[in-house]
Amino acid sequence: MKKLMLLVLSLALAVSCAKYPEGGLRKLAKGHIMGEWKMNAYFMNGFDYSDTVLVQNFTETFNEGGTFERAYVDAAGAYHSYGGGWDIAGERTVLKVFADSTYTLTPMLNNTATNFTIDRLTKDDLWYSLESSSGTHQLRFSKIK
């Protein structure tokens, strides 16, 4: 009887712990996302196109209370920084970013999106993606603070 009860509890726990496709538990999303993140890779349609990124030192910061900051240096060497808000929605699978500006990340991605699909979110990694006419774009970040 104890073994049966343990099996039932284990199965219930496994089912209740929804995960992101590339890793991380959805129930920990808000705690894990807060902090400063630096982009370390860019993928388009599943292939690494990091060498096409037009900006440097691309960071995003998610603060408690829903405030958001994005900073980067563009191809001309100009520093850009702006803020806005953020939230996690849709069963904790959608990252909503309400930023004051758009940016050109690569020749194929002039980003105006505000909703991103969370592919991976752990205490150290944040991967999110968006769809455009050129396909699926995935930005991968590592936590720096």
Protein backbone atom coordinates (compact mmCIF):
# COMPACT_ATOMS: atom_id res chain seq x y z
CA MET A 1 0.00 0.00 0.00
CA LYS A 2 2.83 2.41 0.85
CA LYS A 3 4.50 1.68 -2.49
CA LEU A 4 1.27 2.39 -4.35
CA MET A 5 0.76 5.67 -2.48
CA LEU A 6 4.38 6.70 -3.17
CA LEU A 7 3.93 5.90 -6.87
CA VAL A 8 0.72 7.95 -7.07
CA LEU A 9 2.35 10.94 -5.34
CA SER A 10 5.40 10.72 -7.61
CA LEU A 11 3.23 10.69 -10.72
CA ALA A 12 1.15 13.61 -9.46
CA LEU A 13 4.29 15.63 -8.77
CA ALA A 14 5.76 14.83 -12.18
CA VAL A 15 2.57 15.91 -13.96
CA SER A 16 2.23 19.14 -11.96
CA CYS A 17 5.80 20.26 -12.71
CA ALA A 18 5.34 21.57 -16.26
CA LYS A 19 8.63 22.23 -18.00
CA TYR A 20 9.81 24.42 -20.85
CA PRO A 21 10.78 22.59 -24.06
CA GLU A 22 14.51 23.27 -23.59
CA GLY A 23 14.57 23.09 -19.78
CA GLY A 24 13.44 24.76 -16.60
CA LEU A 25 10.26 24.55 -14.54
CA ARG A 26 7.42 26.91 -15.40
CA LYS A 27 6.35 27.29 -11.76
CA LEU A 28 9.73 28.95 -11.02
CA ALA A 29 9.53 31.39 -13.94
CA LYS A 30 9.02 34.68 -12.12
CA GLY A 31 11.74 33.97 -9.59
CA HIS A 32 14.23 32.85 -12.22
CA ILE A 33 13.68 35.64 -14.72
CA MET A 34 14.42 38.50 -12.36
CA GLY A 35 17.93 39.85 -12.79
CA GLU A 36 20.29 40.99 -15.54
CA TRP A 37 20.82 38.85 -18.64
CA LYS A 38 23.39 39.12 -21.45
CA MET A 39 22.69 37.67 -24.89
CA ASN A 40 25.27 35.06 -25.84
CA ALA A 41 23.74 33.44 -28.94
CA TYR A 42 21.21 34.02 -31.70
CA PHE A 43 19.56 31.20 -33.66
CA MET A 44 17.33 31.42 -36.71
CA ASN A 45 15.30 28.38 -37.78
CA GLY A 46 17.42 26.19 -35.51
CA PHE A 47 20.81 27.29 -36.87
CA ASP A 48 23.39 29.43 -35.06
CA TYR A 49 23.55 32.88 -36.68
CA SER A 50 25.34 34.60 -33.80
CA ASP A 51 27.92 35.97 -36.22
CA THR A 52 25.19 38.10 -37.92
CA VAL A 53 24.26 40.03 -34.75
CA LEU A 54 24.67 43.76 -35.36
CA VAL A 55 24.76 44.87 -31.71
CA GLN A 56 27.21 44.33 -28.86
CA ASN A 57 26.71 43.92 -25.12
CA PHE A 58 22.98 43.28 -25.53
CA THR A 59 21.49 43.03 -22.03
CA GLU A 60 18.00 42.82 -20.61
CA THR A 61 17.09 43.34 -16.98
CA PHE A 62 13.85 42.14 -15.42
CA ASN A 63 13.14 43.81 -12.09
CA GLU A 64 10.72 42.90 -9.33
CA GLY A 65 7.56 44.92 -9.72
CA GLY A 66 7.48 44.48 -13.50
CA THR A 67 9.98 47.07 -14.72
CA PHE A 68 12.28 46.23 -17.62
CA GLU A 69 15.50 47.66 -19.07
CA ARG A 70 17.31 46.87 -22.33
CA ALA A 71 20.77 48.14 -23.30
CA TYR A 72 23.15 47.57 -26.21
CA VAL A 73 25.76 49.17 -28.45
CA ASP A 74 24.70 49.39 -32.11
CA ALA A 75 26.84 48.78 -35.21
CA ALA A 76 27.83 52.47 -35.33
CA GLY A 77 29.11 52.32 -31.74
CA ALA A 78 26.21 54.28 -30.20
CA TYR A 79 24.95 53.17 -26.80
CA HIS A 80 21.19 52.63 -26.43
CA SER A 81 19.24 52.11 -23.23
CA TYR A 82 15.52 52.16 -22.63
CA GLY A 83 12.94 50.74 -20.29
CA GLY A 84 9.41 49.54 -19.99
CA GLY A 85 7.53 46.71 -18.32
CA TRP A 86 7.36 42.93 -18.41
CA ASP A 87 5.09 40.07 -17.42
CA ILE A 88 4.85 36.32 -17.88
CA ALA A 89 1.53 35.01 -19.21
CA GLY A 90 -0.08 32.06 -20.98
CA GLU A 91 0.59 29.29 -18.45
CA ARG A 92 4.01 30.91 -17.92
CA THR A 93 5.04 30.23 -21.53
CA VAL A 94 4.84 33.79 -22.90
CA LEU A 95 7.19 36.61 -21.98
CA LYS A 96 5.52 39.97 -22.56
CA VAL A 97 7.87 42.94 -22.87
CA PHE A 98 6.49 46.45 -23.04
CA ALA A 99 9.53 48.42 -24.21
CA ASP A 100 9.74 52.02 -25.33
CA SER A 101 11.62 51.20 -28.54
CA THR A 102 12.42 48.66 -31.25
CA TYR A 103 15.86 47.50 -32.35
CA THR A 104 17.61 45.86 -35.29
CA LEU A 105 19.36 42.77 -34.00
CA THR A 106 20.43 41.20 -37.32
CA PRO A 107 19.86 41.96 -41.01
CA MET A 108 16.92 39.49 -40.79
CA LEU A 109 15.41 40.75 -37.53
CA ASN A 110 14.14 44.25 -36.89
CA ASN A 111 12.39 43.49 -33.63
CA THR A 112 9.04 45.07 -32.96
CA ALA A 113 7.61 42.05 -31.13
CA THR A 114 6.28 42.35 -27.59
CA ASN A 115 5.35 38.69 -26.98
CA PHE A 116 8.00 35.99 -26.93
CA THR A 117 7.74 32.23 -26.41
CA ILE A 118 9.89 31.06 -23.49
CA ASP A 119 11.89 28.03 -24.64
CA ARG A 120 14.21 27.68 -21.64
CA LEU A 121 14.27 29.43 -18.28
CA THR A 122 16.52 28.30 -15.46
CA LYS A 123 18.41 30.30 -12.84
CA ASP A 124 21.29 30.64 -15.35
CA ASP A 125 19.69 30.55 -18.83
CA LEU A 126 16.91 32.42 -20.60
CA TRP A 127 16.03 31.44 -24.17
CA TYR A 128 13.06 32.99 -25.91
CA SER A 129 11.86 33.01 -29.47
CA LEU A 130 9.62 34.92 -31.86
CA GLU A 131 8.20 34.28 -35.29
CA SER A 132 8.65 36.57 -38.29
CA SER A 133 8.35 36.26 -42.05
CA SER A 134 11.93 34.91 -42.17
CA GLY A 135 11.19 32.16 -39.63
CA THR A 136 11.80 31.44 -35.95
CA HIS A 137 14.32 33.65 -34.15
CA GLN A 138 15.68 32.52 -30.79
CA LEU A 139 17.70 34.74 -28.46
CA ARG A 140 19.77 33.01 -25.79
CA PHE A 141 20.89 34.79 -22.64
CA SER A 142 23.02 33.97 -19.61
CA LYS A 143 22.38 35.57 -16.24
CA ILE A 144 25.09 37.99 -15.16
CA LYS A 145 23.46 39.31 -11.95
